[in-house]
Amino acid sequence: MTTEPPSKPLLALDICNLALAKLGESPLAGIDPNGTPAARMCYMHYHPVRREILCANRWSFATRMTELLAAEENTEHMKAHTLPDDCLRVLEVNSPRWTLRGRSIYCPARRIRLLYIADEEDTTLFEPLFIEAFATRLACKLCIPLTSSTTAREALTQEYHRIALPRAAHFNAVQSNSNDSHPLYRLWKNGRHL
C-alpha cells in the first residue's frame, strides 16, 4: 500500500500561476516587479485582488473578533474606537447605535466588541474554492494587459461573478455554521429522520 505525500499549501506564486493558466500563459518562476510583463502584472494586482475578494464575503478563515476601547469623545458624546490595522470590512458591532467614519467606529459605549474581515495574507488558511475564485478574478485583471482579449476578459468576469465567487461563498457559509444551529438539527438528533 502506497501513501501519497501530503499536498503542499499553495503560495502567492501558485495562485498567480493558476490565473495565468486560465489565460493560456506560461507559469512564472517568481513574482518580480522588474521581471517579465506577467511577473510585473502579478506583482501589481495580487494584493489588491486578494483584498477585493476578502471584502466580497464573510469568509470564516478571515473573520476576527476583538474588543475596542474608546479613544476619545466628540461633542455628541459619541466615543471613537479605532479599527484594527488589519480590518478590511466591519461585519458586526455589539452596539444598537454606531456609525463608521474613516477608520473609527463611533458609538455611545466605551468598550465594544467588533467582528470584522481581516486582511489575511496567509495562503495556508485559504480554502480551495476561495483560491479558485481568487485565481479567476486575478485572471480577469491580467487578461487585457497580457492578452488584449476583451472576449476572454468578459468570459472570465462572468465565470467569477456567476460561478466561482458564489460557489466559494456558499461552501464557506455551509461549513461556517455548526450542526446545532441548523433548524432541522433537533429533529435529526432525536432520531426523527426525514
Protein backbone atom coordinates (compact mmCIF):
# COMPACT_ATOMS: atom_id res chain seq x y z
CA MET A 1 0.00 0.00 0.00
CA THR A 2 1.44 3.35 -1.04
CA THR A 3 0.61 6.60 0.63
CA GLU A 4 0.59 9.87 -1.17
CA PRO A 5 2.79 12.62 0.24
CA PRO A 6 0.82 15.44 1.87
CA SER A 7 -0.01 18.19 -0.59
CA LYS A 8 1.86 21.45 -0.14
CA PRO A 9 -0.21 24.57 0.51
CA LEU A 10 -0.43 26.97 -2.39
CA LEU A 11 1.65 30.12 -2.26
CA ALA A 12 1.00 33.53 -3.82
CA LEU A 13 3.09 32.42 -6.82
CA ASP A 14 0.92 29.31 -7.26
CA ILE A 15 -2.26 31.42 -7.24
CA CYS A 16 -0.73 33.74 -9.84
CA ASN A 17 0.20 30.73 -11.97
CA LEU A 18 -3.37 29.40 -11.73
CA ALA A 19 -4.58 32.77 -13.01
CA LEU A 20 -2.03 32.75 -15.83
CA ALA A 21 -3.06 29.20 -16.80
CA LYS A 22 -6.62 30.46 -17.31
CA LEU A 23 -5.16 32.88 -19.86
CA GLY A 24 -3.02 30.24 -21.59
CA GLU A 25 0.15 31.91 -20.30
CA SER A 26 3.31 30.12 -19.15
CA PRO A 27 3.88 29.75 -15.41
CA LEU A 28 6.21 32.12 -13.59
CA ALA A 29 9.25 31.18 -11.53
CA GLY A 30 8.71 34.26 -9.35
CA ILE A 31 6.69 37.42 -8.91
CA ASP A 32 9.04 40.29 -9.69
CA PRO A 33 8.27 43.99 -10.21
CA ASN A 34 11.22 44.12 -12.63
CA GLY A 35 10.54 40.79 -14.37
CA THR A 36 8.51 39.76 -17.40
CA PRO A 37 5.23 41.53 -18.18
CA ALA A 38 3.32 38.66 -16.50
CA ALA A 39 5.52 38.85 -13.37
CA ARG A 40 5.04 42.64 -13.18
CA MET A 41 1.27 42.39 -13.61
CA CYS A 42 1.00 39.68 -10.93
CA TYR A 43 3.12 41.79 -8.58
CA MET A 44 0.86 44.79 -9.21
CA HIS A 45 -2.53 43.04 -8.96
CA TYR A 46 -2.12 40.17 -6.46
CA HIS A 47 -2.74 42.04 -3.19
CA PRO A 48 -5.44 44.42 -4.44
CA VAL A 49 -7.40 41.46 -5.86
CA ARG A 50 -6.87 39.47 -2.65
CA ARG A 51 -8.32 42.36 -0.61
CA GLU A 52 -11.23 42.77 -3.04
CA ILE A 53 -12.20 39.11 -2.71
CA LEU A 54 -11.80 39.14 1.06
CA CYS A 55 -14.26 42.07 1.20
CA ALA A 56 -16.75 40.24 -1.04
CA ASN A 57 -17.92 37.72 1.59
CA ARG A 58 -17.89 36.77 5.26
CA TRP A 59 -15.03 34.28 4.86
CA SER A 60 -14.70 32.21 8.02
CA PHE A 61 -10.89 31.94 7.70
CA ALA A 62 -10.56 35.75 7.62
CA THR A 63 -13.15 36.61 10.30
CA ARG A 64 -11.75 38.03 13.51
CA MET A 65 -13.29 39.25 16.76
CA THR A 66 -11.75 41.82 19.08
CA GLU A 67 -12.68 44.31 21.77
CA LEU A 68 -12.10 48.00 21.22
CA LEU A 69 -11.78 50.63 23.93
CA ALA A 70 -12.88 54.21 23.22
CA ALA A 71 -10.09 56.62 22.39
CA GLU A 72 -11.94 59.90 22.97
CA GLU A 73 -15.34 61.60 22.97
CA ASN A 74 -16.66 64.11 20.49
CA THR A 75 -19.25 66.83 21.08
CA GLU A 76 -22.18 64.45 20.53
CA HIS A 77 -20.93 62.23 23.38
CA MET A 78 -20.16 59.50 20.88
CA LYS A 79 -16.94 57.67 21.63
CA ALA A 80 -14.38 56.92 18.92
CA HIS A 81 -13.00 53.39 18.58
CA THR A 82 -10.08 52.99 16.16
CA LEU A 83 -10.34 49.98 13.85
CA PRO A 84 -7.57 47.35 13.95
CA ASP A 85 -4.87 47.90 11.32
CA ASP A 86 -5.84 44.66 9.53
CA CYS A 87 -9.58 45.44 9.35
CA LEU A 88 -10.86 45.42 5.77
CA ARG A 89 -14.59 45.25 6.46
CA VAL A 90 -16.72 45.72 9.57
CA LEU A 91 -19.23 42.89 9.97
CA GLU A 92 -20.86 43.47 13.36
CA VAL A 93 -20.62 45.79 16.34
CA ASN A 94 -22.34 44.87 19.61
CA SER A 95 -23.98 48.27 19.96
CA PRO A 96 -27.50 49.15 18.83
CA ARG A 97 -26.31 52.53 17.55
CA TRP A 98 -23.00 53.05 15.80
CA THR A 99 -21.51 54.68 12.71
CA LEU A 100 -18.29 54.22 10.77
CA ARG A 101 -16.28 57.33 9.89
CA GLY A 102 -12.94 56.77 8.24
CA ARG A 103 -11.03 54.22 10.33
CA SER A 104 -13.11 54.75 13.51
CA ILE A 105 -16.40 53.44 14.86
CA TYR A 106 -18.44 55.97 16.83
CA CYS A 107 -20.97 54.78 19.39
CA PRO A 108 -22.12 55.60 22.95
CA ALA A 109 -20.39 52.58 24.56
CA ARG A 110 -16.86 52.91 25.91
CA ARG A 111 -15.98 49.26 25.14
CA ILE A 112 -17.33 47.40 22.10
CA ARG A 113 -16.90 44.00 20.53
CA LEU A 114 -16.09 44.06 16.83
CA LEU A 115 -16.45 41.26 14.27
CA TYR A 116 -14.56 42.01 11.08
CA ILE A 117 -12.87 40.68 7.96
CA ALA A 118 -9.10 40.79 8.34
CA ASP A 119 -6.54 41.49 5.63
CA GLU A 120 -5.49 37.82 5.64
CA GLU A 121 -2.31 37.10 3.67
CA ASP A 122 -1.57 33.56 4.87
CA THR A 123 -2.37 31.39 1.85
CA THR A 124 -2.32 28.25 4.03
CA LEU A 125 -5.64 29.45 5.50
CA PHE A 126 -7.30 29.97 2.11
CA GLU A 127 -9.97 27.43 1.21
CA PRO A 128 -9.72 25.62 -2.16
CA LEU A 129 -12.82 27.28 -3.62
CA PHE A 130 -11.66 30.69 -2.39
CA ILE A 131 -8.37 30.07 -4.23
CA GLU A 132 -10.29 29.20 -7.41
CA ALA A 133 -12.34 32.41 -7.14
CA PHE A 134 -9.18 34.39 -6.38
CA ALA A 135 -7.35 32.97 -9.41
CA THR A 136 -10.36 33.66 -11.65
CA ARG A 137 -10.63 37.27 -10.51
CA LEU A 138 -6.88 37.75 -10.85
CA ALA A 139 -7.08 36.36 -14.39
CA CYS A 140 -9.75 38.99 -15.16
CA LYS A 141 -7.34 41.75 -14.10
CA LEU A 142 -4.41 40.25 -16.03
CA CYS A 143 -6.35 39.49 -19.18
CA ILE A 144 -6.20 42.81 -21.05
CA PRO A 145 -2.57 43.67 -20.18
CA LEU A 146 -1.36 40.21 -21.18
CA THR A 147 -3.71 39.09 -23.96
CA SER A 148 -5.62 42.22 -25.11
CA SER A 149 -8.71 39.98 -25.41
CA THR A 150 -11.92 41.66 -24.27
CA THR A 151 -13.82 38.45 -25.11
CA ALA A 152 -11.66 36.41 -22.73
CA ARG A 153 -11.99 39.06 -20.04
CA GLU A 154 -15.78 39.05 -20.37
CA ALA A 155 -15.89 35.25 -20.12
CA LEU A 156 -13.67 35.27 -17.02
CA THR A 157 -15.75 38.05 -15.44
CA GLN A 158 -18.92 36.02 -15.98
CA GLU A 159 -17.24 32.90 -14.58
CA TYR A 160 -16.12 34.83 -11.49
CA HIS A 161 -19.47 36.52 -10.74
CA ARG A 162 -21.79 33.65 -11.70
CA ILE A 163 -19.81 30.55 -10.72
CA ALA A 164 -16.52 30.91 -8.82
CA LEU A 165 -17.41 33.51 -6.18
CA PRO A 166 -20.97 32.28 -5.42
CA ARG A 167 -19.74 28.68 -5.17
CA ALA A 168 -16.88 29.60 -2.81
CA ALA A 169 -19.17 31.80 -0.69
CA HIS A 170 -21.82 29.07 -0.49
CA PHE A 171 -19.46 26.34 0.68
CA ASN A 172 -17.79 28.71 3.13
CA ALA A 173 -21.19 29.59 4.63
CA VAL A 174 -22.26 25.93 4.83
CA GLN A 175 -19.18 24.90 6.80
CA SER A 176 -19.20 28.03 8.98
CA ASN A 177 -22.35 27.05 10.84
CA SER A 178 -22.36 24.25 13.36
CA ASN A 179 -24.94 21.49 13.08
CA ASP A 180 -26.79 22.59 16.19
CA SER A 181 -27.67 25.94 14.58
CA HIS A 182 -29.50 24.25 11.71
CA PRO A 183 -33.30 24.25 12.17
CA LEU A 184 -33.53 20.51 11.38
CA TYR A 185 -30.75 19.53 13.81
CA ARG A 186 -33.07 18.82 16.74
CA LEU A 187 -35.21 16.51 14.58
CA TRP A 188 -32.13 14.67 13.36
CA LYS A 189 -30.62 14.45 16.87
CA ASN A 190 -33.83 12.98 18.28
CA GLY A 191 -33.87 10.27 15.61
CA ARG A 192 -36.74 11.66 13.58
CA HIS A 193 -35.00 11.41 10.23
CA LEU A 194 -36.79 12.91 7.27
